């Protein structure tokens, strides 16, 4: 039981890190003209929302 909770904690931390990076990248894109580029394809919002829901 302890092992699985530790694993989900690590997974959450990784997810939080990627979410922060994604938000920073989105802010940069919107400042530089709001073009939807490679990053939008790499990390669609539905993917991030879906992984938090599960």
PDB file of N, CA and C in Angstrom:
ATOM      1  N   UNK A   1       0.839  -1.209   0.000  1.00  0.00           N
ATOM      2  CA  UNK A   1       0.000   0.000   0.000  1.00  0.00           C
ATOM      3  C   UNK A   1       0.871   1.255   0.000  1.00  0.00           C
ATOM      4  N   UNK A   2       1.891   1.238   0.849  1.00  0.00           N
ATOM      5  CA  UNK A   2       2.797   2.387   0.958  1.00  0.00           C
ATOM      6  C   UNK A   2       3.513   2.639  -0.366  1.00  0.00           C
ATOM      7  N   UNK A   3       3.916   1.548  -1.020  1.00  0.00           N
ATOM      8  CA  UNK A   3       4.661   1.659  -2.274  1.00  0.00           C
ATOM      9  C   UNK A   3       3.827   2.339  -3.367  1.00  0.00           C
ATOM     10  N   UNK A   4       2.561   1.954  -3.472  1.00  0.00           N
ATOM     11  CA  UNK A   4       1.700   2.520  -4.514  1.00  0.00           C
ATOM     12  C   UNK A   4       1.416   4.002  -4.265  1.00  0.00           C
ATOM     13  N   UNK A   5       1.268   4.402  -3.002  1.00  0.00           N
ATOM     14  CA  UNK A   5       1.033   5.815  -2.697  1.00  0.00           C
ATOM     15  C   UNK A   5       2.274   6.653  -3.000  1.00  0.00           C
ATOM     16  N   UNK A   6       3.446   6.081  -2.751  1.00  0.00           N
ATOM     17  CA  UNK A   6       4.704   6.752  -3.070  1.00  0.00           C
ATOM     18  C   UNK A   6       4.826   6.954  -4.575  1.00  0.00           C
ATOM     19  N   UNK A   7       4.445   5.940  -5.332  1.00  0.00           N
ATOM     20  CA  UNK A   7       4.502   5.994  -6.786  1.00  0.00           C
ATOM     21  C   UNK A   7       3.558   7.061  -7.335  1.00  0.00           C
ATOM     22  N   UNK A   8       2.347   7.133  -6.803  1.00  0.00           N
ATOM     23  CA  UNK A   8       1.387   8.136  -7.266  1.00  0.00           C
ATOM     24  C   UNK A   8       1.840   9.546  -6.885  1.00  0.00           C
ATOM     25  N   UNK A   9       2.538   9.672  -5.763  1.00  0.00           N
ATOM     26  CA  UNK A   9       3.096  10.959  -5.335  1.00  0.00           C
ATOM     27  C   UNK A   9       4.143  11.438  -6.338  1.00  0.00           C
ATOM     28  N   UNK A  10       5.018  10.531  -6.756  1.00  0.00           N
ATOM     29  CA  UNK A  10       6.050  10.847  -7.746  1.00  0.00           C
ATOM     30  C   UNK A  10       5.391  11.223  -9.072  1.00  0.00           C
ATOM     31  N   UNK A  11       4.390  10.452  -9.467  1.00  0.00           N
ATOM     32  CA  UNK A  11       3.675  10.713 -10.714  1.00  0.00           C
ATOM     33  C   UNK A  11       3.034  12.100 -10.679  1.00  0.00           C
ATOM     34  N   UNK A  12       2.463  12.468  -9.537  1.00  0.00           N
ATOM     35  CA  UNK A  12       1.828  13.774  -9.387  1.00  0.00           C
ATOM     36  C   UNK A  12       2.848  14.903  -9.488  1.00  0.00           C
ATOM     37  N   UNK A  13       4.011  14.717  -8.863  1.00  0.00           N
ATOM     38  CA  UNK A  13       5.069  15.733  -8.909  1.00  0.00           C
ATOM     39  C   UNK A  13       5.564  15.950 -10.336  1.00  0.00           C
ATOM     40  N   UNK A  14       5.743  14.858 -11.075  1.00  0.00           N
ATOM     41  CA  UNK A  14       6.171  14.942 -12.477  1.00  0.00           C
ATOM     42  C   UNK A  14       5.103  15.665 -13.296  1.00  0.00           C
ATOM     43  N   UNK A  15       3.856  15.306 -13.070  1.00  0.00           N
ATOM     44  CA  UNK A  15       2.734  15.917 -13.772  1.00  0.00           C
ATOM     45  C   UNK A  15       2.657  17.413 -13.483  1.00  0.00           C
ATOM     46  N   UNK A  16       2.837  17.777 -12.219  1.00  0.00           N
ATOM     47  CA  UNK A  16       2.817  19.189 -11.827  1.00  0.00           C
ATOM     48  C   UNK A  16       3.944  19.962 -12.506  1.00  0.00           C
ATOM     49  N   UNK A  17       5.123  19.349 -12.577  1.00  0.00           N
ATOM     50  CA  UNK A  17       6.270  19.979 -13.232  1.00  0.00           C
ATOM     51  C   UNK A  17       5.982  20.238 -14.708  1.00  0.00           C
ATOM     52  N   UNK A  18       5.468  19.213 -15.401  1.00  0.00           N
ATOM     53  CA  UNK A  18       5.170  19.366 -16.824  1.00  0.00           C
ATOM     54  C   UNK A  18       4.073  20.396 -17.057  1.00  0.00           C
ATOM     55  N   UNK A  19       3.092  20.440 -16.152  1.00  0.00           N
ATOM     56  CA  UNK A  19       2.018  21.426 -16.266  1.00  0.00           C
ATOM     57  C   UNK A  19       2.573  22.839 -16.141  1.00  0.00           C
ATOM     58  N   UNK A  20       3.473  23.051 -15.167  1.00  0.00           N
ATOM     59  CA  UNK A  20       4.113  24.364 -15.001  1.00  0.00           C
ATOM     60  C   UNK A  20       4.887  24.763 -16.252  1.00  0.00           C
ATOM     61  N   UNK A  21       5.645  23.816 -16.804  1.00  0.00           N
ATOM     62  CA  UNK A  21       6.414  24.078 -18.020  1.00  0.00           C
ATOM     63  C   UNK A  21       5.491  24.425 -19.180  1.00  0.00           C
ATOM     64  N   UNK A  22       4.403  23.690 -19.296  1.00  0.00           N
ATOM     65  CA  UNK A  22       3.428  23.907 -20.366  1.00  0.00           C
ATOM     66  C   UNK A  22       2.808  25.299 -20.270  1.00  0.00           C
ATOM     67  N   UNK A  23       2.467  25.713 -19.042  1.00  0.00           N
ATOM     68  CA  UNK A  23       1.888  27.047 -18.832  1.00  0.00           C
ATOM     69  C   UNK A  23       2.896  28.128 -19.213  1.00  0.00           C
ATOM     70  N   UNK A  24       4.153  27.963 -18.810  1.00  0.00           N
ATOM     71  CA  UNK A  24       5.205  28.928 -19.168  1.00  0.00           C
ATOM     72  C   UNK A  24       5.354  29.038 -20.678  1.00  0.00           C
ATOM     73  N   UNK A  25       5.357  27.890 -21.356  1.00  0.00           N
ATOM     74  CA  UNK A  25       5.488  27.858 -22.814  1.00  0.00           C
ATOM     75  C   UNK A  25       4.289  28.549 -23.461  1.00  0.00           C
ATOM     76  N   UNK A  26       3.095  28.263 -22.964  1.00  0.00           N
ATOM     77  CA  UNK A  26       1.874  28.900 -23.497  1.00  0.00           C
ATOM     78  C   UNK A  26       1.932  30.413 -23.342  1.00  0.00           C
ATOM     79  N   UNK A  27       2.421  30.886 -22.191  1.00  0.00           N
ATOM     80  CA  UNK A  27       2.550  32.331 -21.963  1.00  0.00           C
ATOM     81  C   UNK A  27       3.515  32.951 -22.965  1.00  0.00           C
ATOM     82  N   UNK A  28       4.633  32.278 -23.212  1.00  0.00           N
ATOM     83  CA  UNK A  28       5.612  32.759 -24.197  1.00  0.00           C
ATOM     84  C   UNK A  28       4.988  32.835 -25.583  1.00  0.00           C
ATOM     85  N   UNK A  29       4.230  31.811 -25.944  1.00  0.00           N
ATOM     86  CA  UNK A  29       3.580  31.776 -27.263  1.00  0.00           C
ATOM     87  C   UNK A  29       2.586  32.934 -27.380  1.00  0.00           C
ATOM     88  N   UNK A  30       1.765  33.139 -26.359  1.00  0.00           N
ATOM     89  CA  UNK A  30       0.752  34.193 -26.426  1.00  0.00           C
ATOM     90  C   UNK A  30       1.392  35.582 -26.463  1.00  0.00           C
ATOM     91  N   UNK A  31       2.530  35.747 -25.787  1.00  0.00           N
ATOM     92  CA  UNK A  31       3.240  37.030 -25.833  1.00  0.00           C
ATOM     93  C   UNK A  31       3.856  37.272 -27.206  1.00  0.00           C
ATOM     94  N   UNK A  32       4.318  36.222 -27.847  1.00  0.00           N
ATOM     95  CA  UNK A  32       5.003  36.367 -29.136  1.00  0.00           C
ATOM     96  C   UNK A  32       4.040  36.307 -30.322  1.00  0.00           C
ATOM     97  N   UNK A  33       2.784  36.647 -30.101  1.00  0.00           N
ATOM     98  CA  UNK A  33       1.831  36.743 -31.208  1.00  0.00           C
ATOM     99  C   UNK A  33       0.653  35.782 -31.120  1.00  0.00           C
ATOM    100  N   UNK A  34       0.682  34.859 -30.166  1.00  0.00           N
ATOM    101  CA  UNK A  34      -0.441  33.949 -29.965  1.00  0.00           C
ATOM    102  C   UNK A  34      -0.579  32.878 -31.035  1.00  0.00           C
ATOM    103  N   UNK A  35       0.506  32.571 -31.725  1.00  0.00           N
ATOM    104  CA  UNK A  35       0.466  31.509 -32.737  1.00  0.00           C
ATOM    105  C   UNK A  35       0.442  30.151 -32.034  1.00  0.00           C
ATOM    106  N   UNK A  36      -0.383  29.263 -32.525  1.00  0.00           N
ATOM    107  CA  UNK A  36      -0.380  27.898 -31.993  1.00  0.00           C
ATOM    108  C   UNK A  36       0.643  27.092 -32.775  1.00  0.00           C
ATOM    109  N   UNK A  37       1.667  26.638 -32.077  1.00  0.00           N
ATOM    110  CA  UNK A  37       2.778  25.973 -32.749  1.00  0.00           C
ATOM    111  C   UNK A  37       2.966  24.540 -32.316  1.00  0.00           C
ATOM    112  N   UNK A  38       4.238  24.126 -32.317  1.00  0.00           N
ATOM    113  CA  UNK A  38       4.606  22.746 -31.975  1.00  0.00           C
ATOM    114  C   UNK A  38       4.147  22.365 -30.582  1.00  0.00           C
ATOM    115  N   UNK A  39       4.305  23.296 -29.633  1.00  0.00           N
ATOM    116  CA  UNK A  39       4.003  22.980 -28.233  1.00  0.00           C
ATOM    117  C   UNK A  39       2.528  22.629 -28.053  1.00  0.00           C
ATOM    118  N   UNK A  40       1.679  23.307 -28.791  1.00  0.00           N
ATOM    119  CA  UNK A  40       0.246  23.034 -28.719  1.00  0.00           C
ATOM    120  C   UNK A  40      -0.039  21.590 -29.147  1.00  0.00           C
ATOM    121  N   UNK A  41       0.677  21.118 -30.158  1.00  0.00           N
ATOM    122  CA  UNK A  41       0.510  19.748 -30.632  1.00  0.00           C
ATOM    123  C   UNK A  41       1.072  18.747 -29.614  1.00  0.00           C
ATOM    124  N   UNK A  42       2.164  19.112 -28.971  1.00  0.00           N
ATOM    125  CA  UNK A  42       2.818  18.217 -28.017  1.00  0.00           C
ATOM    126  C   UNK A  42       1.989  18.009 -26.755  1.00  0.00           C
ATOM    127  N   UNK A  43       1.359  19.065 -26.267  1.00  0.00           N
ATOM    128  CA  UNK A  43       0.634  18.971 -24.995  1.00  0.00           C
ATOM    129  C   UNK A  43      -0.730  19.652 -25.086  1.00  0.00           C
ATOM    130  N   UNK A  44      -1.703  19.020 -25.713  1.00  0.00           N
ATOM    131  CA  UNK A  44      -3.038  19.612 -25.759  1.00  0.00           C
ATOM    132  C   UNK A  44      -3.652  19.688 -24.364  1.00  0.00           C
ATOM    133  N   UNK A  45      -4.472  20.719 -24.144  1.00  0.00           N
ATOM    134  CA  UNK A  45      -5.061  20.943 -22.821  1.00  0.00           C
ATOM    135  C   UNK A  45      -5.892  19.757 -22.352  1.00  0.00           C
ATOM    136  N   UNK A  46      -6.577  19.096 -23.272  1.00  0.00           N
ATOM    137  CA  UNK A  46      -7.408  17.942 -22.919  1.00  0.00           C
ATOM    138  C   UNK A  46      -6.573  16.831 -22.281  1.00  0.00           C
ATOM    139  N   UNK A  47      -5.325  16.670 -22.742  1.00  0.00           N
ATOM    140  CA  UNK A  47      -4.421  15.655 -22.201  1.00  0.00           C
ATOM    141  C   UNK A  47      -4.090  15.967 -20.744  1.00  0.00           C
ATOM    142  N   UNK A  48      -3.773  17.227 -20.458  1.00  0.00           N
ATOM    143  CA  UNK A  48      -3.421  17.636 -19.095  1.00  0.00           C
ATOM    144  C   UNK A  48      -4.635  17.499 -18.176  1.00  0.00           C
ATOM    145  N   UNK A  49      -5.791  17.974 -18.620  1.00  0.00           N
ATOM    146  CA  UNK A  49      -7.014  17.862 -17.823  1.00  0.00           C
ATOM    147  C   UNK A  49      -7.349  16.401 -17.553  1.00  0.00           C
ATOM    148  N   UNK A  50      -7.179  15.558 -18.567  1.00  0.00           N
ATOM    149  CA  UNK A  50      -7.473  14.131 -18.439  1.00  0.00           C
ATOM    150  C   UNK A  50      -6.585  13.444 -17.425  1.00  0.00           C
ATOM    151  N   UNK A  51      -5.299  13.808 -17.405  1.00  0.00           N
ATOM    152  CA  UNK A  51      -4.378  13.158 -16.481  1.00  0.00           C
ATOM    153  C   UNK A  51      -4.593  13.620 -15.042  1.00  0.00           C
ATOM    154  N   UNK A  52      -5.121  14.845 -14.849  1.00  0.00           N
ATOM    155  CA  UNK A  52      -5.459  15.271 -13.485  1.00  0.00           C
ATOM    156  C   UNK A  52      -6.735  14.587 -13.005  1.00  0.00           C
ATOM    157  N   UNK A  53      -7.660  14.345 -13.904  1.00  0.00           N
ATOM    158  CA  UNK A  53      -8.936  13.723 -13.549  1.00  0.00           C
ATOM    159  C   UNK A  53      -8.751  12.276 -13.094  1.00  0.00           C
ATOM    160  N   UNK A  54      -7.819  11.559 -13.711  1.00  0.00           N
ATOM    161  CA  UNK A  54      -7.638  10.132 -13.401  1.00  0.00           C
ATOM    162  C   UNK A  54      -6.969   9.913 -12.051  1.00  0.00           C
TER     163      UNK A  54
END
